Amino acid sequence: PTIITQIANGAREIMVGDLTPTRDFNFVADTARGFLALARAEGVEGQEYNISTGTEVTMLQTLQTIARLMGREVNYVTDPQRLRPGKSEVFRLCGDSTRLRELTGWRPEVSLEEGLQRTIDWFVRPENLARYKWDIYNV
């Protein structure tokens, strides 16, 4: 959201941390559907399940997609405050939802781009955007 709110407020230089880590982003509606699928399933107690897309994307790719979807050209500036302390960064996060899919048939339905667009659409509404201090980074 901080990236979205910075761009939505007209910032041309976006303050960021490390852009090399990868993440497996899952839209909240898909996550909720995954929890509901598990709640309806039998024999899940004590088991581990991933609610994930199985696709990893770098933070840089994510930010570039956000800027493109918002129709803005921006520069990314590394803010030392936003860098994690040494050895605390998780550089790759990517889940495998095979067990969940085999048990319940669950699959993610919202693509990364669609989820980002829905998120952008929510944040840029004036009543929502006004809630965020886009120019202040709270650690």
Protein backbone atom coordinates (compact mmCIF):
# COMPACT_ATOMS: atom_id res chain seq x y z
CA PRO A 1 0.00 0.00 0.00
CA THR A 2 2.79 2.45 0.71
CA ILE A 3 3.99 2.20 -2.89
CA ILE A 4 0.45 2.64 -4.19
CA THR A 5 -0.24 5.60 -1.93
CA GLN A 6 3.06 7.26 -2.86
CA ILE A 7 2.28 6.94 -6.57
CA ALA A 8 -1.36 7.96 -6.08
CA ASN A 9 -0.21 11.13 -4.34
CA GLY A 10 2.02 12.08 -7.27
CA ALA A 11 5.43 11.02 -5.98
CA ARG A 12 7.93 10.53 -8.81
CA GLU A 13 10.63 9.08 -6.56
CA ILE A 14 9.35 6.07 -4.67
CA MET A 15 11.17 5.19 -1.49
CA VAL A 16 11.88 1.46 -1.25
CA GLY A 17 13.95 -1.15 0.51
CA ASP A 18 15.62 -4.15 -1.14
CA LEU A 19 13.93 -4.97 -4.45
CA THR A 20 15.56 -8.38 -4.99
CA PRO A 21 13.54 -10.60 -2.62
CA THR A 22 10.78 -12.67 -4.19
CA ARG A 23 7.28 -13.22 -2.85
CA ASP A 24 4.31 -15.41 -3.65
CA PHE A 25 1.40 -12.95 -3.54
CA ASN A 26 -2.08 -14.29 -2.94
CA PHE A 27 -5.11 -12.04 -3.18
CA VAL A 28 -7.03 -11.83 0.10
CA ALA A 29 -10.23 -13.28 -1.40
CA ASP A 30 -8.27 -16.36 -2.51
CA THR A 31 -6.72 -16.67 0.94
CA ALA A 32 -10.15 -16.48 2.55
CA ARG A 33 -11.49 -19.11 0.14
CA GLY A 34 -8.55 -21.34 1.08
CA PHE A 35 -9.34 -21.04 4.79
CA LEU A 36 -13.00 -21.78 4.10
CA ALA A 37 -12.07 -24.83 2.03
CA LEU A 38 -9.95 -26.12 4.91
CA ALA A 39 -12.71 -25.41 7.44
CA ARG A 40 -15.09 -27.58 5.40
CA ALA A 41 -12.57 -30.40 4.89
CA GLU A 42 -12.22 -33.44 7.12
CA GLY A 43 -9.01 -34.63 8.73
CA VAL A 44 -7.04 -31.40 8.44
CA GLU A 45 -6.29 -31.03 12.15
CA GLY A 46 -2.57 -31.01 12.89
CA GLN A 47 -1.69 -30.80 9.20
CA GLU A 48 0.09 -27.99 7.39
CA TYR A 49 -1.33 -26.46 4.22
CA ASN A 50 -0.11 -23.63 2.05
CA ILE A 51 -2.59 -21.23 0.55
CA SER A 52 -0.40 -19.94 -2.24
CA THR A 53 -0.06 -19.40 -5.97
CA GLY A 54 3.22 -21.26 -6.40
CA THR A 55 4.60 -18.30 -8.36
CA GLU A 56 7.27 -15.98 -7.07
CA VAL A 57 7.87 -12.46 -8.27
CA THR A 58 10.59 -10.00 -7.27
CA MET A 59 9.68 -6.88 -5.41
CA LEU A 60 11.06 -4.88 -8.34
CA GLN A 61 8.71 -6.69 -10.75
CA THR A 62 5.84 -6.04 -8.37
CA LEU A 63 6.58 -2.33 -8.13
CA GLN A 64 7.00 -2.03 -11.89
CA THR A 65 3.63 -3.71 -12.37
CA ILE A 66 1.99 -1.33 -9.89
CA ALA A 67 3.47 1.71 -11.69
CA ARG A 68 2.34 0.37 -15.08
CA LEU A 69 -1.18 -0.35 -13.83
CA MET A 70 -1.34 3.17 -12.39
CA GLY A 71 -0.05 4.66 -15.65
CA ARG A 72 2.92 6.36 -14.00
CA GLU A 73 6.63 6.48 -14.65
CA VAL A 74 8.53 6.54 -11.38
CA ASN A 75 12.05 6.09 -10.08
CA TYR A 76 12.79 3.85 -7.14
CA VAL A 77 15.11 5.23 -4.48
CA THR A 78 16.59 2.94 -1.85
CA ASP A 79 15.81 4.30 1.60
CA PRO A 80 18.26 2.88 4.17
CA GLN A 81 15.45 2.99 6.76
CA ARG A 82 13.51 0.48 4.67
CA LEU A 83 16.34 -2.05 4.41
CA ARG A 84 16.10 -4.95 6.82
CA PRO A 85 18.92 -5.56 9.27
CA GLY A 86 21.60 -8.02 8.15
CA LYS A 87 20.52 -11.68 8.12
CA SER A 88 16.87 -10.81 8.83
CA GLU A 89 15.64 -10.68 5.22
CA VAL A 90 13.90 -13.70 3.75
CA PHE A 91 14.97 -13.59 0.13
CA ARG A 92 12.59 -16.18 -1.33
CA LEU A 93 9.02 -16.95 -0.31
CA CYS A 94 7.07 -19.26 -2.58
CA GLY A 95 4.41 -21.70 -1.42
CA ASP A 96 3.25 -25.06 -2.72
CA SER A 97 -0.50 -25.52 -2.39
CA THR A 98 -0.55 -29.04 -3.86
CA ARG A 99 -1.85 -30.64 -0.64
CA LEU A 100 -4.65 -28.08 -0.33
CA ARG A 101 -5.59 -28.47 -4.01
CA GLU A 102 -5.63 -32.28 -3.77
CA LEU A 103 -7.75 -32.22 -0.60
CA THR A 104 -10.24 -29.49 -1.50
CA GLY A 105 -9.84 -28.56 -5.15
CA TRP A 106 -8.89 -25.02 -4.11
CA ARG A 107 -6.94 -22.96 -6.63
CA PRO A 108 -6.16 -19.25 -6.70
CA GLU A 109 -8.63 -17.40 -8.92
CA VAL A 110 -7.25 -13.85 -8.87
CA SER A 111 -4.06 -13.19 -10.84
CA LEU A 112 -1.35 -10.94 -9.48
CA GLU A 113 -2.24 -8.17 -11.93
CA GLU A 114 -5.96 -8.40 -11.19
CA GLY A 115 -5.31 -8.40 -7.44
CA LEU A 116 -3.00 -5.41 -7.71
CA GLN A 117 -5.55 -3.56 -9.86
CA ARG A 118 -8.31 -4.22 -7.33
CA THR A 119 -6.01 -3.02 -4.55
CA ILE A 120 -5.05 0.11 -6.51
CA ASP A 121 -8.72 0.81 -7.27
CA TRP A 122 -9.53 0.66 -3.55
CA PHE A 123 -6.60 2.83 -2.45
CA VAL A 124 -7.12 5.60 -4.99
CA ARG A 125 -10.66 6.32 -3.84
CA PRO A 126 -10.31 9.70 -2.09
CA GLU A 127 -11.95 8.49 1.13
CA ASN A 128 -9.47 5.61 1.36
CA LEU A 129 -6.36 7.45 0.18
CA ALA A 130 -6.97 10.17 2.78
CA ARG A 131 -6.49 7.57 5.55
CA TYR A 132 -2.82 6.98 4.73
CA LYS A 133 0.24 9.06 5.52
CA TRP A 134 1.94 8.31 2.23
CA ASP A 135 4.96 10.50 2.95
CA ILE A 136 5.78 9.02 6.37
CA TYR A 137 7.49 5.66 6.82
CA ASN A 138 6.70 3.99 10.12
CA VAL A 139 9.13 1.25 10.99
